[in-house]
Amino acid sequence: MQKIAIITGANSGMGLASSVELARKGVKVIMACRSLERGQSALKEAKERSGSNDLELMLCDLADLNSIRAFAAQFQEKYHVLDVLLNNAGVVMTRRKETAQGFEMDLGVNHLGHFLLTHLLLKSLLAAEQGRVVTVASGAYKAGNIRFDDPFMTRRYHPIKAYAQSKLANVLFTKELADRLQGSRVTANCVHPGAVATQMGVNRETGFGKTVMKLLKPFFLTAEQGAETAMYLSLAPELREVSGQYFYQKKPQQLISKARNKQDAVRLWEWSCEQVGVEYELPRV
C-alpha cells in the first residue's frame, strides 16, 4: 500500500527537498504550505524534479491555530491513514512578532503549531501500519531554556534565546511524545539537520543579512543534504521501533541533561495542551 506523508513548510528549502525525495520513492506527499502562490509554485517544481504526480498542496499556516485545525480536518476528510508527519517548517525572527493567537512567533510556529498539528493527526498516524513523527530540531537547543515564567518573552526578548527555546521545546516534545506512544505503532524522533542555507523566515536578501549569507555560504549544507537524515528517519525499515531519539547525520546523539529532563517535558506538554486547547491524554483509535 502506498505510504502517505505530510511535510510542513514544503514550499522551500528542506521541505521542498524532502517532498521531492519522498515522491521519488513512491510516497504520496501532502505539501503543507502557508502561501497559496508559493505553494503552487513549489508543487509544480516538486512534480517536475521528482517525476511524480503524487504530490498535493494543502494550505496550513502554523502561526494560526484555526488554519491548523482546518488543515487537519481537510486531510482527514480525504485520507484515513498517515504514515509520516514531517514537522519541518520553522522560523527565526530578528524582532519579536506574535502569531494569530498572540504567541511569540518562534515558539508559536516551531513548537506550538507543530504540537497541535501532531495531536490532531495522531489518530491517522495510529491507523497506519507504522506511523512516524519526525520533527526538525536543531543543535541550538543546547543554548535554550524553557522560560516557564515568561515563555513568550514579553519582558525581555532576545532573537537567539527565542529560537533556542523553541528548539529545546522540539526535543522535549519529541521525548515526551515518544514516552506517551510506547506500545503503539507510532514512533517520534527529531533531527538536527546541520547548518543548512535556507531562509527560515529571516530576510537575508538585503544589508547585513545578505553579507553574512555570502560569507557563510561555502560552509552551509544544501537543502538536499540537510534533508537526508529526516528522510532516513521517515523511511528506514531498521528504525521501525526506534523512538524518542535525537539524530544527526543518520546517527542517534546523546542529549545534554536539560533535554532529558522528564519534569520539564511533562510541564511543557501540559502547558502546550492548555495553550492550544487540547486534552493532556493522547487520542485513541
Protein backbone atom coordinates (compact mmCIF):
# COMPACT_ATOMS: atom_id res chain seq x y z
CA MET A 1 0.00 0.00 0.00
CA GLN A 2 1.29 3.46 -0.89
CA LYS A 3 2.60 5.48 2.05
CA ILE A 4 1.25 8.98 2.72
CA ALA A 5 3.39 11.77 4.17
CA ILE A 6 2.70 15.35 5.26
CA ILE A 7 5.56 17.85 5.13
CA THR A 8 5.16 21.27 6.72
CA GLY A 9 6.99 24.22 5.22
CA ALA A 10 7.16 22.32 1.95
CA ASN A 11 7.43 25.31 -0.36
CA SER A 12 11.19 25.85 0.00
CA GLY A 13 14.46 24.59 1.44
CA MET A 14 14.48 21.24 3.21
CA GLY A 15 10.69 20.97 2.98
CA LEU A 16 10.78 21.14 -0.80
CA ALA A 17 13.81 18.84 -0.99
CA SER A 18 12.04 16.33 1.27
CA SER A 19 8.89 16.50 -0.84
CA VAL A 20 10.89 15.72 -3.98
CA GLU A 21 12.80 12.85 -2.38
CA LEU A 22 9.77 11.16 -0.81
CA ALA A 23 7.81 11.47 -4.07
CA ARG A 24 10.73 9.88 -5.92
CA LYS A 25 10.48 6.94 -3.54
CA GLY A 26 6.81 6.42 -4.36
CA VAL A 27 5.29 8.18 -1.35
CA LYS A 28 2.12 10.24 -1.70
CA VAL A 29 3.20 13.67 -0.43
CA ILE A 30 0.95 16.35 1.04
CA MET A 31 2.81 19.64 0.85
CA ALA A 32 1.57 21.80 3.73
CA CYS A 33 2.28 25.44 2.88
CA ARG A 34 1.17 28.80 4.25
CA SER A 35 1.05 30.66 0.92
CA LEU A 36 -1.12 29.52 -1.98
CA GLU A 37 1.07 31.26 -4.56
CA ARG A 38 4.38 29.92 -3.22
CA GLY A 39 2.81 26.54 -2.58
CA GLN A 40 1.56 26.21 -6.16
CA SER A 41 4.99 27.16 -7.49
CA ALA A 42 6.67 24.61 -5.19
CA LEU A 43 4.16 21.90 -6.15
CA LYS A 44 4.94 22.42 -9.83
CA GLU A 45 8.68 22.29 -9.16
CA ALA A 46 8.40 19.19 -6.96
CA LYS A 47 6.44 17.33 -9.63
CA GLU A 48 8.98 18.24 -12.28
CA ARG A 49 12.01 17.33 -10.15
CA SER A 50 10.58 14.09 -8.79
CA GLY A 51 8.89 12.87 -11.95
CA SER A 52 5.84 12.06 -9.82
CA ASN A 53 2.30 13.39 -9.84
CA ASP A 54 1.61 12.00 -6.37
CA LEU A 55 2.05 15.36 -4.67
CA GLU A 56 -0.74 17.57 -3.40
CA LEU A 57 -0.85 21.08 -1.96
CA MET A 58 -2.87 21.85 1.17
CA LEU A 59 -2.75 25.21 2.93
CA CYS A 60 -1.63 25.32 6.56
CA ASP A 61 -0.42 28.37 8.45
CA LEU A 62 1.38 27.19 11.58
CA ALA A 63 1.07 30.69 13.03
CA ASP A 64 -2.73 30.29 13.23
CA LEU A 65 -4.38 27.50 15.25
CA ASN A 66 -7.59 27.87 13.21
CA SER A 67 -5.65 27.20 10.00
CA ILE A 68 -4.01 24.13 11.56
CA ARG A 69 -7.39 22.74 12.61
CA ALA A 70 -8.84 23.37 9.14
CA PHE A 71 -5.87 21.63 7.52
CA ALA A 72 -6.17 18.55 9.76
CA ALA A 73 -9.91 18.33 9.08
CA GLN A 74 -9.37 18.65 5.34
CA PHE A 75 -6.71 15.93 5.38
CA GLN A 76 -8.83 13.53 7.44
CA GLU A 77 -11.83 14.05 5.19
CA LYS A 78 -9.80 12.74 2.28
CA TYR A 79 -7.35 10.29 3.86
CA HIS A 80 -7.78 7.80 6.70
CA VAL A 81 -4.14 6.93 7.29
CA LEU A 82 -0.94 8.96 7.70
CA ASP A 83 2.41 7.16 7.60
CA VAL A 84 4.81 10.09 8.06
CA LEU A 85 4.38 13.52 9.59
CA LEU A 86 7.49 15.61 8.93
CA ASN A 87 7.35 18.68 11.17
CA ASN A 88 9.82 20.68 9.11
CA ALA A 89 8.57 24.29 8.99
CA GLY A 90 10.45 26.78 11.10
CA VAL A 91 11.08 30.48 11.60
CA VAL A 92 13.86 32.59 13.08
CA MET A 93 12.67 36.07 13.93
CA THR A 94 15.03 39.04 14.17
CA ARG A 95 12.49 41.02 16.20
CA ARG A 96 9.56 39.98 18.36
CA LYS A 97 6.36 39.12 16.50
CA GLU A 98 3.22 37.26 17.50
CA THR A 99 1.06 34.56 15.93
CA ALA A 100 -2.67 34.97 15.32
CA GLN A 101 -3.35 33.77 18.87
CA GLY A 102 -0.72 36.03 20.45
CA PHE A 103 2.10 33.50 20.89
CA GLU A 104 5.69 34.66 20.39
CA MET A 105 6.39 33.64 16.79
CA ASP A 106 9.36 31.28 17.23
CA LEU A 107 7.73 29.25 19.99
CA GLY A 108 4.31 29.59 18.37
CA VAL A 109 5.31 28.22 14.96
CA ASN A 110 8.26 25.96 15.71
CA HIS A 111 6.71 24.26 18.73
CA LEU A 112 3.06 25.05 19.46
CA GLY A 113 1.90 24.90 15.82
CA HIS A 114 3.51 21.51 15.32
CA PHE A 115 2.33 20.35 18.75
CA LEU A 116 -1.29 20.96 17.77
CA LEU A 117 -0.87 19.56 14.27
CA THR A 118 0.69 16.35 15.61
CA HIS A 119 -2.05 15.98 18.22
CA LEU A 120 -4.81 16.40 15.62
CA LEU A 121 -3.23 13.87 13.25
CA LEU A 122 -2.39 11.17 15.80
CA LYS A 123 -5.46 9.09 15.01
CA SER A 124 -4.37 8.97 11.38
CA LEU A 125 -0.81 8.05 12.40
CA LEU A 126 -2.05 5.35 14.78
CA ALA A 127 -4.13 3.88 11.96
CA ALA A 128 -1.02 3.35 9.82
CA GLU A 129 0.92 0.11 9.74
CA GLN A 130 3.77 2.05 11.33
CA GLY A 131 3.40 5.80 11.76
CA ARG A 132 6.34 8.14 12.20
CA VAL A 133 6.57 11.68 13.56
CA VAL A 134 9.82 13.36 12.54
CA THR A 135 10.48 16.84 13.92
CA VAL A 136 13.26 19.10 12.65
CA ALA A 137 15.03 20.43 15.74
CA SER A 138 18.48 22.00 15.90
CA GLY A 139 21.71 21.88 17.83
CA ALA A 140 20.64 25.33 19.03
CA TYR A 141 18.56 23.51 21.65
CA LYS A 142 21.74 23.41 23.77
CA ALA A 143 21.55 27.19 24.25
CA GLY A 144 17.82 27.08 25.04
CA ASN A 145 15.86 27.28 28.25
CA ILE A 146 12.10 26.88 28.66
CA ARG A 147 11.12 30.13 30.36
CA PHE A 148 8.01 28.86 32.11
CA ASP A 149 7.63 32.20 33.91
CA ASP A 150 7.56 34.11 30.59
CA PRO A 151 7.61 31.66 27.65
CA PHE A 152 6.56 34.29 25.10
CA MET A 153 9.32 36.67 26.22
CA THR A 154 7.04 39.63 26.77
CA ARG A 155 9.53 41.21 29.18
CA ARG A 156 12.99 40.54 27.76
CA TYR A 157 13.01 39.35 24.16
CA HIS A 158 16.19 38.10 22.51
CA PRO A 159 16.12 36.55 19.00
CA ILE A 160 18.71 33.85 19.65
CA LYS A 161 17.21 32.88 23.01
CA ALA A 162 13.73 32.75 21.48
CA TYR A 163 14.87 30.41 18.70
CA ALA A 164 16.92 28.23 21.05
CA GLN A 165 13.95 27.91 23.41
CA SER A 166 11.73 26.74 20.54
CA LYS A 167 14.30 24.12 19.50
CA LEU A 168 14.65 22.80 23.06
CA ALA A 169 10.86 22.59 23.08
CA ASN A 170 11.02 20.48 19.89
CA VAL A 171 13.33 18.00 21.62
CA LEU A 172 11.37 17.83 24.89
CA PHE A 173 8.14 17.39 22.90
CA THR A 174 9.68 14.51 20.94
CA LYS A 175 10.87 12.79 24.11
CA GLU A 176 7.50 13.12 25.85
CA LEU A 177 5.52 12.12 22.75
CA ALA A 178 7.66 9.01 22.36
CA ASP A 179 7.04 8.09 26.01
CA ARG A 180 3.29 8.52 25.63
CA LEU A 181 3.26 6.46 22.42
CA GLN A 182 5.03 3.47 23.95
CA GLY A 183 3.26 0.26 22.98
CA SER A 184 1.70 1.82 19.87
CA ARG A 185 2.72 1.57 16.21
CA VAL A 186 3.87 5.21 16.10
CA THR A 187 7.40 6.45 16.72
CA ALA A 188 8.62 10.01 17.36
CA ASN A 189 12.14 11.21 16.66
CA CYS A 190 13.81 14.54 16.00
CA VAL A 191 16.73 15.61 13.88
CA HIS A 192 19.47 18.21 13.78
CA PRO A 193 19.92 18.80 10.04
CA GLY A 194 23.18 20.73 10.32
CA ALA A 195 23.78 24.25 9.07
CA VAL A 196 21.52 24.49 6.03
CA ALA A 197 21.29 27.51 3.71
CA THR A 198 17.54 28.07 3.94
CA GLN A 199 15.54 31.25 4.52
CA MET A 200 13.87 30.15 7.80
CA GLY A 201 11.75 33.29 7.92
CA VAL A 202 14.78 35.61 8.01
CA ASN A 203 15.34 38.35 5.46
CA ARG A 204 18.80 37.51 4.16
CA GLU A 205 18.48 39.35 0.87
CA THR A 206 19.42 42.85 1.99
CA GLY A 207 22.03 44.60 4.10
CA PHE A 208 23.80 42.73 6.87
CA GLY A 209 21.89 39.50 6.32
CA LYS A 210 22.99 39.32 2.68
CA THR A 211 26.64 39.93 3.61
CA VAL A 212 26.60 37.23 6.30
CA MET A 213 24.96 34.71 3.98
CA LYS A 214 27.53 35.38 1.26
CA LEU A 215 30.43 34.83 3.67
CA LEU A 216 29.00 31.68 5.20
CA LYS A 217 27.53 30.07 2.08
CA PRO A 218 30.56 27.80 1.39
CA PHE A 219 30.11 26.26 4.84
CA PHE A 220 26.39 25.54 4.56
CA LEU A 221 24.83 22.26 3.53
CA THR A 222 22.45 22.23 0.60
CA ALA A 223 18.76 21.70 1.35
CA GLU A 224 19.08 18.18 -0.07
CA GLN A 225 21.99 17.36 2.23
CA GLY A 226 20.16 18.83 5.19
CA ALA A 227 17.11 16.68 4.47
CA GLU A 228 18.99 13.38 4.30
CA THR A 229 18.62 12.44 7.97
CA ALA A 230 14.93 13.41 8.03
CA MET A 231 14.41 11.13 5.01
CA TYR A 232 16.25 8.35 6.82
CA LEU A 233 14.02 8.75 9.88
CA SER A 234 10.92 8.82 7.68
CA LEU A 235 11.55 5.62 5.73
CA ALA A 236 14.37 3.41 7.03
CA PRO A 237 12.96 -0.04 7.90
CA GLU A 238 15.57 -0.57 10.62
CA LEU A 239 14.08 2.34 12.57
CA ARG A 240 10.61 0.82 12.93
CA GLU A 241 10.97 0.53 16.71
CA VAL A 242 13.36 3.42 17.35
CA SER A 243 11.66 6.28 19.17
CA GLY A 244 12.49 9.25 21.36
CA GLN A 245 15.88 9.83 19.77
CA TYR A 246 17.73 12.90 18.51
CA PHE A 247 19.58 12.20 15.26
CA TYR A 248 22.43 13.94 13.46
CA GLN A 249 23.97 12.58 10.26
CA LYS A 250 21.75 9.50 10.49
CA LYS A 251 23.02 8.56 13.94
CA PRO A 252 21.39 8.99 17.37
CA GLN A 253 23.13 11.54 19.57
CA GLN A 254 23.41 11.88 23.31
CA LEU A 255 21.29 14.79 24.53
CA ILE A 256 22.51 17.15 27.23
CA SER A 257 20.76 16.84 30.57
CA LYS A 258 18.18 19.65 30.21
CA ALA A 259 16.81 17.99 27.06
CA ARG A 260 16.30 14.77 29.05
CA ASN A 261 14.53 16.43 31.98
CA LYS A 262 11.29 14.47 32.37
CA GLN A 263 9.75 17.01 34.73
CA ASP A 264 10.27 19.83 32.22
CA ALA A 265 8.98 17.65 29.36
CA VAL A 266 5.74 16.90 31.22
CA ARG A 267 5.34 20.52 32.30
CA LEU A 268 5.88 21.72 28.72
CA TRP A 269 3.39 19.13 27.43
CA GLU A 270 0.68 20.21 29.86
CA TRP A 271 1.33 23.91 29.25
CA SER A 272 1.22 23.34 25.48
CA CYS A 273 -2.09 21.50 25.76
CA GLU A 274 -3.54 24.47 27.63
CA GLN A 275 -2.24 26.96 25.05
CA VAL A 276 -3.66 25.16 22.01
CA GLY A 277 -6.81 23.82 23.70
CA VAL A 278 -6.41 20.04 23.61
CA GLU A 279 -6.59 17.25 26.21
CA TYR A 280 -3.47 16.07 28.03
CA GLU A 281 -4.09 12.48 27.02
CA LEU A 282 -3.45 11.20 23.50
CA PRO A 283 -6.47 10.31 21.36
CA ARG A 284 -7.30 6.63 20.94
CA VAL A 285 -8.02 4.86 17.65
